[in-house]
Amino acid sequence: MPHIMIIQKSIPNEEWKEILTPLQYKILREGGTEKAFTGELLNNHEKGVYVCVACGNELFSSETKYDSKTGWPSFYSPISENSFIIKPNSGSINASEVICAKCGGHHGHVFTDGPEPTGLRFCMNSAALKFKKK
């Protein structure tokens, strides 16, 4: 993936705390995870675009969303390869961290057990996303 300059990461955490809800802050700024099957956008089937709730960066088209039965919104491809920075995960899960290329916010993880045509599963936190209906 190409190098991408993060243009809003320099916002201090105190300012992010004023902008985001506590759950959004925990996920986006601290790398947290919402509880499975609790996210507002999990069962959204409308046509549109999913954007970063913090900065508005376009991340996914509804056309790539699918039901992974994991409890989190899942997509097999981002809108653009420049939407995210993929950071190899050194933790206990077999996945890489997905970070917004514009604001540096943590959105979830990408796994290699997704459907065709990519074989990828972008497993996202619903609270880190905003849906824009077409």
C-alpha atoms as a PDB file:
ATOM      1  CA  MET A   1       0.000   0.000   0.000  1.00  0.00           C
ATOM      2  CA  PRO A   2       1.394   3.458  -0.863  1.00  0.00           C
ATOM      3  CA  HIS A   3       2.630   5.889   1.769  1.00  0.00           C
ATOM      4  CA  ILE A   4      -0.156   8.280   2.732  1.00  0.00           C
ATOM      5  CA  MET A   5       0.263  11.515   4.653  1.00  0.00           C
ATOM      6  CA  ILE A   6      -2.092  11.758   7.622  1.00  0.00           C
ATOM      7  CA  ILE A   7      -3.437  15.301   7.507  1.00  0.00           C
ATOM      8  CA  GLN A   8      -5.538  15.525  10.692  1.00  0.00           C
ATOM      9  CA  LYS A   9      -3.637  13.350  13.138  1.00  0.00           C
ATOM     10  CA  SER A  10      -2.073  16.414  14.768  1.00  0.00           C
ATOM     11  CA  ILE A  11      -5.366  17.272  16.499  1.00  0.00           C
ATOM     12  CA  PRO A  12      -4.689  16.881  20.246  1.00  0.00           C
ATOM     13  CA  ASN A  13      -6.517  14.103  22.094  1.00  0.00           C
ATOM     14  CA  GLU A  14      -8.280  16.667  24.298  1.00  0.00           C
ATOM     15  CA  GLU A  15      -9.867  18.149  21.171  1.00  0.00           C
ATOM     16  CA  TRP A  16     -10.829  14.677  19.878  1.00  0.00           C
ATOM     17  CA  LYS A  17     -12.581  14.089  23.230  1.00  0.00           C
ATOM     18  CA  GLU A  18     -14.749  17.149  22.546  1.00  0.00           C
ATOM     19  CA  ILE A  19     -15.520  16.108  18.956  1.00  0.00           C
ATOM     20  CA  LEU A  20     -16.239  12.389  19.461  1.00  0.00           C
ATOM     21  CA  THR A  21     -18.603  10.475  21.737  1.00  0.00           C
ATOM     22  CA  PRO A  22     -16.892   8.421  24.469  1.00  0.00           C
ATOM     23  CA  LEU A  23     -17.373   5.196  22.451  1.00  0.00           C
ATOM     24  CA  GLN A  24     -16.081   6.789  19.249  1.00  0.00           C
ATOM     25  CA  TYR A  25     -13.046   8.121  21.127  1.00  0.00           C
ATOM     26  CA  LYS A  26     -12.336   4.704  22.675  1.00  0.00           C
ATOM     27  CA  ILE A  27     -12.422   3.053  19.247  1.00  0.00           C
ATOM     28  CA  LEU A  28     -10.838   5.688  17.011  1.00  0.00           C
ATOM     29  CA  ARG A  29      -8.183   7.133  19.323  1.00  0.00           C
ATOM     30  CA  GLU A  30      -7.493   4.230  21.724  1.00  0.00           C
ATOM     31  CA  GLY A  31      -7.959   1.255  19.381  1.00  0.00           C
ATOM     32  CA  GLY A  32     -10.965  -0.155  21.223  1.00  0.00           C
ATOM     33  CA  THR A  33     -13.714  -2.425  19.910  1.00  0.00           C
ATOM     34  CA  GLU A  34     -17.467  -2.123  20.314  1.00  0.00           C
ATOM     35  CA  LYS A  35     -19.407  -5.158  21.523  1.00  0.00           C
ATOM     36  CA  ALA A  36     -20.467  -7.522  18.753  1.00  0.00           C
ATOM     37  CA  PHE A  37     -24.023  -7.176  17.417  1.00  0.00           C
ATOM     38  CA  THR A  38     -24.528  -3.726  19.032  1.00  0.00           C
ATOM     39  CA  GLY A  39     -23.572  -1.363  16.204  1.00  0.00           C
ATOM     40  CA  GLU A  40     -26.197   0.819  14.509  1.00  0.00           C
ATOM     41  CA  LEU A  41     -24.872   0.112  11.026  1.00  0.00           C
ATOM     42  CA  LEU A  42     -24.577  -3.671  11.338  1.00  0.00           C
ATOM     43  CA  ASN A  43     -27.940  -4.335   9.698  1.00  0.00           C
ATOM     44  CA  ASN A  44     -28.002  -1.305   7.405  1.00  0.00           C
ATOM     45  CA  HIS A  45     -28.837  -2.417   3.856  1.00  0.00           C
ATOM     46  CA  GLU A  46     -29.380   0.975   2.216  1.00  0.00           C
ATOM     47  CA  LYS A  47     -27.360   2.129  -0.798  1.00  0.00           C
ATOM     48  CA  GLY A  48     -24.687   4.682  -0.032  1.00  0.00           C
ATOM     49  CA  VAL A  49     -21.206   5.315   1.286  1.00  0.00           C
ATOM     50  CA  TYR A  50     -19.645   4.645   4.683  1.00  0.00           C
ATOM     51  CA  VAL A  51     -17.305   7.416   5.846  1.00  0.00           C
ATOM     52  CA  CYS A  52     -15.053   7.957   8.851  1.00  0.00           C
ATOM     53  CA  VAL A  53     -17.183   9.501  11.598  1.00  0.00           C
ATOM     54  CA  ALA A  54     -14.232  11.645  12.726  1.00  0.00           C
ATOM     55  CA  CYS A  55     -13.102  13.206   9.446  1.00  0.00           C
ATOM     56  CA  GLY A  56     -15.543  12.254   6.670  1.00  0.00           C
ATOM     57  CA  ASN A  57     -13.006  10.241   4.652  1.00  0.00           C
ATOM     58  CA  GLU A  58     -14.908   7.942   2.253  1.00  0.00           C
ATOM     59  CA  LEU A  59     -14.117   4.347   3.212  1.00  0.00           C
ATOM     60  CA  PHE A  60     -16.591   1.819   1.798  1.00  0.00           C
ATOM     61  CA  SER A  61     -19.419   1.547  -0.706  1.00  0.00           C
ATOM     62  CA  SER A  62     -22.554  -0.276   0.419  1.00  0.00           C
ATOM     63  CA  GLU A  63     -22.001  -2.505  -2.626  1.00  0.00           C
ATOM     64  CA  THR A  64     -19.058  -4.222  -0.878  1.00  0.00           C
ATOM     65  CA  LYS A  65     -20.834  -4.773   2.462  1.00  0.00           C
ATOM     66  CA  TYR A  66     -21.818  -8.318   3.377  1.00  0.00           C
ATOM     67  CA  ASP A  67     -23.009 -10.321   6.392  1.00  0.00           C
ATOM     68  CA  SER A  68     -19.957 -12.015   7.875  1.00  0.00           C
ATOM     69  CA  LYS A  69     -22.013 -13.222  10.872  1.00  0.00           C
ATOM     70  CA  THR A  70     -19.324 -11.792  13.187  1.00  0.00           C
ATOM     71  CA  GLY A  71     -21.418  -9.005  14.713  1.00  0.00           C
ATOM     72  CA  TRP A  72     -19.581  -6.127  13.040  1.00  0.00           C
ATOM     73  CA  PRO A  73     -20.146  -4.427   9.681  1.00  0.00           C
ATOM     74  CA  SER A  74     -17.947  -6.205   7.150  1.00  0.00           C
ATOM     75  CA  PHE A  75     -16.787  -5.235   3.682  1.00  0.00           C
ATOM     76  CA  TYR A  76     -14.675  -7.067   1.113  1.00  0.00           C
ATOM     77  CA  SER A  77     -13.052  -3.950  -0.370  1.00  0.00           C
ATOM     78  CA  PRO A  78     -12.515  -0.270   0.508  1.00  0.00           C
ATOM     79  CA  ILE A  79     -13.564   2.520  -1.870  1.00  0.00           C
ATOM     80  CA  SER A  80      -9.899   3.229  -2.602  1.00  0.00           C
ATOM     81  CA  GLU A  81      -6.570   1.677  -1.686  1.00  0.00           C
ATOM     82  CA  ASN A  82      -5.767   5.148  -0.321  1.00  0.00           C
ATOM     83  CA  SER A  83      -8.671   5.131   2.170  1.00  0.00           C
ATOM     84  CA  PHE A  84      -6.699   3.310   4.843  1.00  0.00           C
ATOM     85  CA  ILE A  85      -3.288   2.559   6.187  1.00  0.00           C
ATOM     86  CA  ILE A  86      -2.971  -1.160   6.907  1.00  0.00           C
ATOM     87  CA  LYS A  87      -0.746  -1.854   9.898  1.00  0.00           C
ATOM     88  CA  PRO A  88       0.387  -5.448  10.489  1.00  0.00           C
ATOM     89  CA  ASN A  89      -0.940  -6.567  13.855  1.00  0.00           C
ATOM     90  CA  SER A  90       1.453  -8.013  16.374  1.00  0.00           C
ATOM     91  CA  GLY A  91      -1.380  -8.924  18.751  1.00  0.00           C
ATOM     92  CA  SER A  92      -3.076 -12.238  19.354  1.00  0.00           C
ATOM     93  CA  ILE A  93      -5.479 -12.066  16.390  1.00  0.00           C
ATOM     94  CA  ASN A  94      -4.516 -13.073  12.870  1.00  0.00           C
ATOM     95  CA  ALA A  95      -5.358  -9.737  11.253  1.00  0.00           C
ATOM     96  CA  SER A  96      -3.951  -6.336  10.367  1.00  0.00           C
ATOM     97  CA  GLU A  97      -5.145  -3.070  11.884  1.00  0.00           C
ATOM     98  CA  VAL A  98      -7.152  -0.727   9.636  1.00  0.00           C
ATOM     99  CA  ILE A  99      -6.405   2.984  10.215  1.00  0.00           C
ATOM    100  CA  CYS A 100      -8.087   5.940   8.474  1.00  0.00           C
ATOM    101  CA  ALA A 101      -5.547   7.509   6.119  1.00  0.00           C
ATOM    102  CA  LYS A 102      -6.930  10.999   6.728  1.00  0.00           C
ATOM    103  CA  CYS A 103      -7.218  11.266  10.535  1.00  0.00           C
ATOM    104  CA  GLY A 104      -5.302   8.246  11.820  1.00  0.00           C
ATOM    105  CA  GLY A 105      -8.350   6.756  13.570  1.00  0.00           C
ATOM    106  CA  HIS A 106      -8.552   3.016  14.297  1.00  0.00           C
ATOM    107  CA  HIS A 107     -11.536   1.436  12.517  1.00  0.00           C
ATOM    108  CA  GLY A 108     -11.057  -2.287  12.972  1.00  0.00           C
ATOM    109  CA  HIS A 109      -9.116  -5.088  11.334  1.00  0.00           C
ATOM    110  CA  VAL A 110      -8.749  -6.799   7.989  1.00  0.00           C
ATOM    111  CA  PHE A 111      -8.722 -10.602   7.798  1.00  0.00           C
ATOM    112  CA  THR A 112      -7.936 -12.924   4.896  1.00  0.00           C
ATOM    113  CA  ASP A 113     -11.104 -15.036   5.255  1.00  0.00           C
ATOM    114  CA  GLY A 114     -13.476 -12.849   3.229  1.00  0.00           C
ATOM    115  CA  PRO A 115     -15.533 -13.602   0.131  1.00  0.00           C
ATOM    116  CA  GLU A 116     -14.605 -13.241  -3.519  1.00  0.00           C
ATOM    117  CA  PRO A 117     -13.494 -11.214  -5.343  1.00  0.00           C
ATOM    118  CA  THR A 118     -10.843 -10.090  -2.812  1.00  0.00           C
ATOM    119  CA  GLY A 119     -10.809 -12.780  -0.133  1.00  0.00           C
ATOM    120  CA  LEU A 120     -10.615  -9.973   2.443  1.00  0.00           C
ATOM    121  CA  ARG A 121     -12.892  -9.156   5.378  1.00  0.00           C
ATOM    122  CA  PHE A 122     -12.679  -5.580   6.594  1.00  0.00           C
ATOM    123  CA  CYS A 123     -14.290  -5.980  10.030  1.00  0.00           C
ATOM    124  CA  MET A 124     -15.224  -2.463  11.153  1.00  0.00           C
ATOM    125  CA  ASN A 125     -16.585  -0.859  14.300  1.00  0.00           C
ATOM    126  CA  SER A 126     -19.987   0.625  13.491  1.00  0.00           C
ATOM    127  CA  ALA A 127     -19.413   3.547  15.892  1.00  0.00           C
ATOM    128  CA  ALA A 128     -16.362   4.604  13.841  1.00  0.00           C
ATOM    129  CA  LEU A 129     -18.475   4.899  10.687  1.00  0.00           C
ATOM    130  CA  LYS A 130     -21.106   7.306   9.420  1.00  0.00           C
ATOM    131  CA  PHE A 131     -23.465   6.306   6.610  1.00  0.00           C
ATOM    132  CA  LYS A 132     -24.296   8.686   3.765  1.00  0.00           C
ATOM    133  CA  LYS A 133     -27.348   7.550   1.812  1.00  0.00           C
ATOM    134  CA  LYS A 134     -27.263   7.876  -1.990  1.00  0.00           C
END
